[in-house]
């Protein structure tokens, strides 16, 4: 999925259903493989996987990210002036746990 959206330096990348943060980590690696340093990773995380996502980001050497706590699908957290912040790319993977 990351190869399809081709993230670039300076883009804001959001994964509103991030789980462990894998798509954001792969986005970062994609940009790094193209010899640039990504600085704008934007992440919304649901409450069930917040700690795992934070740990995974740090273990992968990523310390410039923004994680918001809460149920982001019904109550978005990355809001500015009463409106949703915009992103250059939004990546999400749905997994039915039932």
N, C-alpha and C. Protein backbone atom coordinates (compact mmCIF):
# COMPACT_ATOMS: atom_id res chain seq x y z
N UNK A 1 0.82 -1.19 0.00
CA UNK A 1 0.00 0.00 0.00
C UNK A 1 0.87 1.26 0.00
N UNK A 2 1.94 1.26 0.78
CA UNK A 2 2.82 2.42 0.86
C UNK A 2 3.45 2.70 -0.50
N UNK A 3 3.87 1.67 -1.21
CA UNK A 3 4.45 1.86 -2.54
C UNK A 3 3.45 2.49 -3.51
N UNK A 4 2.18 2.22 -3.35
CA UNK A 4 1.16 2.79 -4.22
C UNK A 4 0.97 4.28 -4.02
N UNK A 5 1.05 4.75 -2.78
CA UNK A 5 0.80 6.17 -2.50
C UNK A 5 2.06 7.04 -2.56
N UNK A 6 3.22 6.40 -2.63
CA UNK A 6 4.51 7.09 -2.79
C UNK A 6 4.67 8.32 -1.90
N UNK A 7 4.77 8.13 -0.59
CA UNK A 7 4.97 9.29 0.29
C UNK A 7 6.29 9.99 -0.01
N UNK A 8 6.29 11.29 0.19
CA UNK A 8 7.49 12.10 -0.08
C UNK A 8 7.82 12.97 1.12
N UNK A 9 9.04 13.47 1.13
CA UNK A 9 9.52 14.35 2.19
C UNK A 9 8.55 15.50 2.41
N UNK A 10 8.24 15.78 3.66
CA UNK A 10 7.40 16.91 4.02
C UNK A 10 5.91 16.63 4.00
N UNK A 11 5.50 15.45 3.54
CA UNK A 11 4.08 15.12 3.52
C UNK A 11 3.59 14.78 4.92
N UNK A 12 2.33 15.02 5.15
CA UNK A 12 1.69 14.58 6.38
C UNK A 12 1.00 13.27 6.07
N UNK A 13 1.37 12.24 6.82
CA UNK A 13 0.85 10.90 6.60
C UNK A 13 0.07 10.48 7.83
N UNK A 14 -1.14 10.04 7.64
CA UNK A 14 -2.01 9.69 8.76
C UNK A 14 -2.50 8.25 8.60
N UNK A 15 -2.50 7.52 9.69
CA UNK A 15 -3.12 6.19 9.73
C UNK A 15 -4.10 6.20 10.90
N UNK A 16 -5.36 6.50 10.64
CA UNK A 16 -6.33 6.65 11.73
C UNK A 16 -6.69 5.34 12.42
N UNK A 17 -6.36 4.21 11.85
CA UNK A 17 -6.64 2.91 12.48
C UNK A 17 -5.34 2.13 12.61
N UNK A 18 -4.33 2.74 13.16
CA UNK A 18 -2.94 2.30 13.01
C UNK A 18 -2.56 0.98 13.65
N UNK A 19 -3.23 0.50 14.64
CA UNK A 19 -2.76 -0.73 15.27
C UNK A 19 -1.37 -0.54 15.84
N UNK A 20 -0.39 -1.27 15.32
CA UNK A 20 0.98 -1.19 15.82
C UNK A 20 1.81 -0.12 15.12
N UNK A 21 1.24 0.61 14.17
CA UNK A 21 1.97 1.67 13.48
C UNK A 21 2.74 1.21 12.26
N UNK A 22 2.51 0.00 11.80
CA UNK A 22 3.28 -0.59 10.70
C UNK A 22 3.24 0.21 9.40
N UNK A 23 2.09 0.73 9.02
CA UNK A 23 2.02 1.49 7.77
C UNK A 23 2.80 2.80 7.86
N UNK A 24 2.80 3.43 9.02
CA UNK A 24 3.58 4.66 9.18
C UNK A 24 5.07 4.36 9.18
N UNK A 25 5.45 3.28 9.82
CA UNK A 25 6.87 2.89 9.83
C UNK A 25 7.32 2.58 8.41
N UNK A 26 6.51 1.87 7.64
CA UNK A 26 6.86 1.57 6.26
C UNK A 26 6.90 2.83 5.41
N UNK A 27 6.02 3.80 5.69
CA UNK A 27 6.06 5.08 4.98
C UNK A 27 7.38 5.79 5.23
N UNK A 28 7.80 5.79 6.48
CA UNK A 28 9.07 6.42 6.85
C UNK A 28 10.23 5.74 6.14
N UNK A 29 10.23 4.41 6.14
CA UNK A 29 11.30 3.66 5.47
C UNK A 29 11.30 3.94 3.97
N UNK A 30 10.12 4.05 3.38
CA UNK A 30 10.02 4.34 1.94
C UNK A 30 10.69 5.67 1.62
N UNK A 31 10.38 6.70 2.41
CA UNK A 31 10.97 8.01 2.18
C UNK A 31 12.47 7.96 2.41
N UNK A 32 12.92 7.29 3.45
CA UNK A 32 14.35 7.18 3.73
C UNK A 32 15.09 6.45 2.61
N UNK A 33 14.45 5.44 2.00
CA UNK A 33 15.08 4.72 0.88
C UNK A 33 15.31 5.64 -0.31
N UNK A 34 14.55 6.72 -0.38
CA UNK A 34 14.72 7.66 -1.47
C UNK A 34 15.62 8.83 -1.05
N UNK A 35 16.43 8.60 -0.02
CA UNK A 35 17.51 9.50 0.42
C UNK A 35 17.03 10.87 0.90
N UNK A 36 15.91 10.88 1.57
CA UNK A 36 15.46 12.12 2.21
C UNK A 36 15.03 11.82 3.64
N UNK A 37 14.92 12.84 4.45
CA UNK A 37 14.57 12.67 5.85
C UNK A 37 13.14 13.15 6.09
N UNK A 38 12.19 12.23 6.30
CA UNK A 38 10.80 12.65 6.52
C UNK A 38 10.64 13.24 7.92
N UNK A 39 9.93 14.35 8.02
CA UNK A 39 9.73 15.00 9.32
C UNK A 39 8.27 15.12 9.71
N UNK A 40 7.33 14.91 8.81
CA UNK A 40 5.92 15.16 9.11
C UNK A 40 5.10 13.87 9.14
N UNK A 41 5.32 13.06 10.13
CA UNK A 41 4.46 11.91 10.31
C UNK A 41 3.35 12.32 11.26
N UNK A 42 2.12 12.19 10.82
CA UNK A 42 0.97 12.52 11.65
C UNK A 42 0.21 11.23 11.87
N UNK A 43 -0.06 10.92 13.11
CA UNK A 43 -0.69 9.65 13.42
C UNK A 43 -1.83 9.82 14.40
N UNK A 44 -2.98 9.29 14.05
CA UNK A 44 -4.07 9.16 15.00
C UNK A 44 -4.13 7.67 15.35
N UNK A 45 -4.32 7.37 16.61
CA UNK A 45 -4.35 5.98 17.05
C UNK A 45 -5.58 5.72 17.90
N UNK A 46 -6.15 4.53 17.75
CA UNK A 46 -7.26 4.19 18.64
C UNK A 46 -6.69 3.74 19.98
N UNK A 47 -7.50 3.84 21.01
CA UNK A 47 -7.02 3.62 22.37
C UNK A 47 -6.51 2.21 22.63
N UNK A 48 -6.95 1.23 21.88
CA UNK A 48 -6.56 -0.16 22.14
C UNK A 48 -5.14 -0.50 21.79
N UNK A 49 -4.49 0.31 20.98
CA UNK A 49 -3.14 -0.04 20.52
C UNK A 49 -2.14 1.10 20.71
N UNK A 50 -2.48 2.09 21.48
CA UNK A 50 -1.63 3.25 21.66
C UNK A 50 -0.22 2.90 22.14
N UNK A 51 -0.12 2.16 23.22
CA UNK A 51 1.20 1.83 23.79
C UNK A 51 2.03 1.00 22.82
N UNK A 52 1.39 0.04 22.15
CA UNK A 52 2.12 -0.80 21.21
C UNK A 52 2.63 0.03 20.03
N UNK A 53 1.83 0.96 19.55
CA UNK A 53 2.24 1.81 18.44
C UNK A 53 3.41 2.70 18.85
N UNK A 54 3.30 3.35 20.01
CA UNK A 54 4.40 4.20 20.49
C UNK A 54 5.69 3.40 20.61
N UNK A 55 5.61 2.22 21.21
CA UNK A 55 6.79 1.39 21.39
C UNK A 55 7.39 1.00 20.04
N UNK A 56 6.55 0.60 19.10
CA UNK A 56 7.03 0.19 17.80
C UNK A 56 7.70 1.34 17.05
N UNK A 57 7.14 2.54 17.15
CA UNK A 57 7.76 3.70 16.49
C UNK A 57 9.14 3.97 17.08
N UNK A 58 9.26 3.98 18.40
CA UNK A 58 10.54 4.25 19.06
C UNK A 58 11.55 3.16 18.74
N UNK A 59 11.13 1.90 18.78
CA UNK A 59 12.04 0.79 18.47
C UNK A 59 12.54 0.85 17.03
N UNK A 60 11.80 1.50 16.16
CA UNK A 60 12.22 1.66 14.77
C UNK A 60 12.93 2.99 14.53
N UNK A 61 13.32 3.67 15.61
CA UNK A 61 14.11 4.89 15.51
C UNK A 61 13.33 6.11 15.07
N UNK A 62 12.02 6.09 15.24
CA UNK A 62 11.19 7.22 14.84
C UNK A 62 10.74 7.96 16.09
N UNK A 63 11.19 9.21 16.22
CA UNK A 63 10.82 9.97 17.42
C UNK A 63 10.07 11.26 17.09
N UNK A 64 9.79 11.49 15.82
CA UNK A 64 9.07 12.70 15.42
C UNK A 64 7.70 12.33 14.86
N UNK A 65 6.81 11.96 15.77
CA UNK A 65 5.46 11.57 15.39
C UNK A 65 4.48 12.15 16.40
N UNK A 66 3.21 12.16 16.02
CA UNK A 66 2.18 12.69 16.89
C UNK A 66 1.10 11.63 17.04
N UNK A 67 0.90 11.16 18.25
CA UNK A 67 -0.14 10.17 18.51
C UNK A 67 -1.18 10.81 19.42
N UNK A 68 -2.44 10.67 19.04
CA UNK A 68 -3.53 11.16 19.85
C UNK A 68 -4.31 9.97 20.39
N UNK A 69 -4.76 10.09 21.60
CA UNK A 69 -5.45 9.01 22.30
C UNK A 69 -6.95 9.13 22.16
N UNK A 70 -7.61 8.04 21.80
CA UNK A 70 -9.07 8.05 21.76
C UNK A 70 -9.62 7.27 20.58
N UNK A 71 -10.91 7.18 20.52
CA UNK A 71 -11.60 6.50 19.42
C UNK A 71 -11.72 7.48 18.27
N UNK A 72 -10.76 7.44 17.35
CA UNK A 72 -10.63 8.49 16.34
C UNK A 72 -11.66 8.41 15.22
N UNK A 73 -12.27 7.27 15.01
CA UNK A 73 -13.25 7.18 13.93
C UNK A 73 -14.55 7.90 14.28
N UNK A 74 -14.96 7.81 15.54
CA UNK A 74 -16.19 8.49 15.94
C UNK A 74 -15.92 9.86 16.57
N UNK A 75 -14.68 10.10 17.00
CA UNK A 75 -14.32 11.36 17.65
C UNK A 75 -12.90 11.75 17.24
N UNK A 76 -12.72 12.30 16.04
CA UNK A 76 -11.38 12.63 15.55
C UNK A 76 -10.60 13.52 16.51
N UNK A 77 -9.30 13.29 16.60
CA UNK A 77 -8.45 14.02 17.54
C UNK A 77 -7.57 15.07 16.88
N UNK A 78 -7.20 14.90 15.63
CA UNK A 78 -6.33 15.87 14.98
C UNK A 78 -7.19 16.95 14.34
N UNK A 79 -7.58 17.91 15.18
CA UNK A 79 -8.50 18.96 14.80
C UNK A 79 -7.81 20.30 15.06
N UNK A 80 -8.07 21.25 14.17
CA UNK A 80 -7.50 22.58 14.33
C UNK A 80 -8.56 23.60 13.94
N UNK A 81 -8.88 24.51 14.84
CA UNK A 81 -9.91 25.51 14.58
C UNK A 81 -11.28 24.90 14.32
N UNK A 82 -11.57 23.78 14.97
CA UNK A 82 -12.86 23.12 14.80
C UNK A 82 -13.00 22.28 13.55
N UNK A 83 -11.93 22.17 12.76
CA UNK A 83 -11.96 21.37 11.52
C UNK A 83 -10.86 20.32 11.56
N UNK A 84 -11.11 19.21 10.86
CA UNK A 84 -10.09 18.17 10.76
C UNK A 84 -8.85 18.72 10.08
N UNK A 85 -7.67 18.37 10.61
CA UNK A 85 -6.44 18.71 9.93
C UNK A 85 -6.37 17.91 8.63
N UNK A 86 -5.74 18.46 7.64
CA UNK A 86 -5.61 17.74 6.38
C UNK A 86 -4.27 17.02 6.33
N UNK A 87 -4.21 15.98 5.52
CA UNK A 87 -3.01 15.18 5.35
C UNK A 87 -2.76 14.99 3.86
N UNK A 88 -1.52 14.72 3.52
CA UNK A 88 -1.18 14.44 2.12
C UNK A 88 -1.51 13.00 1.75
N UNK A 89 -1.39 12.11 2.70
CA UNK A 89 -1.71 10.70 2.48
C UNK A 89 -2.39 10.16 3.73
N UNK A 90 -3.42 9.35 3.53
CA UNK A 90 -4.08 8.65 4.63
C UNK A 90 -4.04 7.18 4.29
N UNK A 91 -3.44 6.40 5.16
CA UNK A 91 -3.32 4.95 4.98
C UNK A 91 -4.07 4.27 6.11
N UNK A 92 -4.88 3.30 5.80
CA UNK A 92 -5.60 2.59 6.85
C UNK A 92 -5.82 1.15 6.40
N UNK A 93 -5.73 0.26 7.35
CA UNK A 93 -5.97 -1.15 7.09
C UNK A 93 -7.07 -1.57 8.05
N UNK A 94 -8.07 -2.22 7.53
CA UNK A 94 -9.19 -2.69 8.34
C UNK A 94 -9.01 -4.17 8.62
N UNK A 95 -9.16 -4.55 9.86
CA UNK A 95 -9.11 -5.96 10.23
C UNK A 95 -10.34 -6.27 11.06
N UNK A 96 -11.12 -7.21 10.62
CA UNK A 96 -12.31 -7.65 11.37
C UNK A 96 -11.85 -8.62 12.44
N UNK A 97 -12.01 -8.25 13.68
CA UNK A 97 -11.53 -9.09 14.77
C UNK A 97 -12.58 -10.08 15.26
N UNK A 98 -13.75 -10.10 14.67
CA UNK A 98 -14.79 -11.04 15.10
C UNK A 98 -14.67 -12.35 14.39
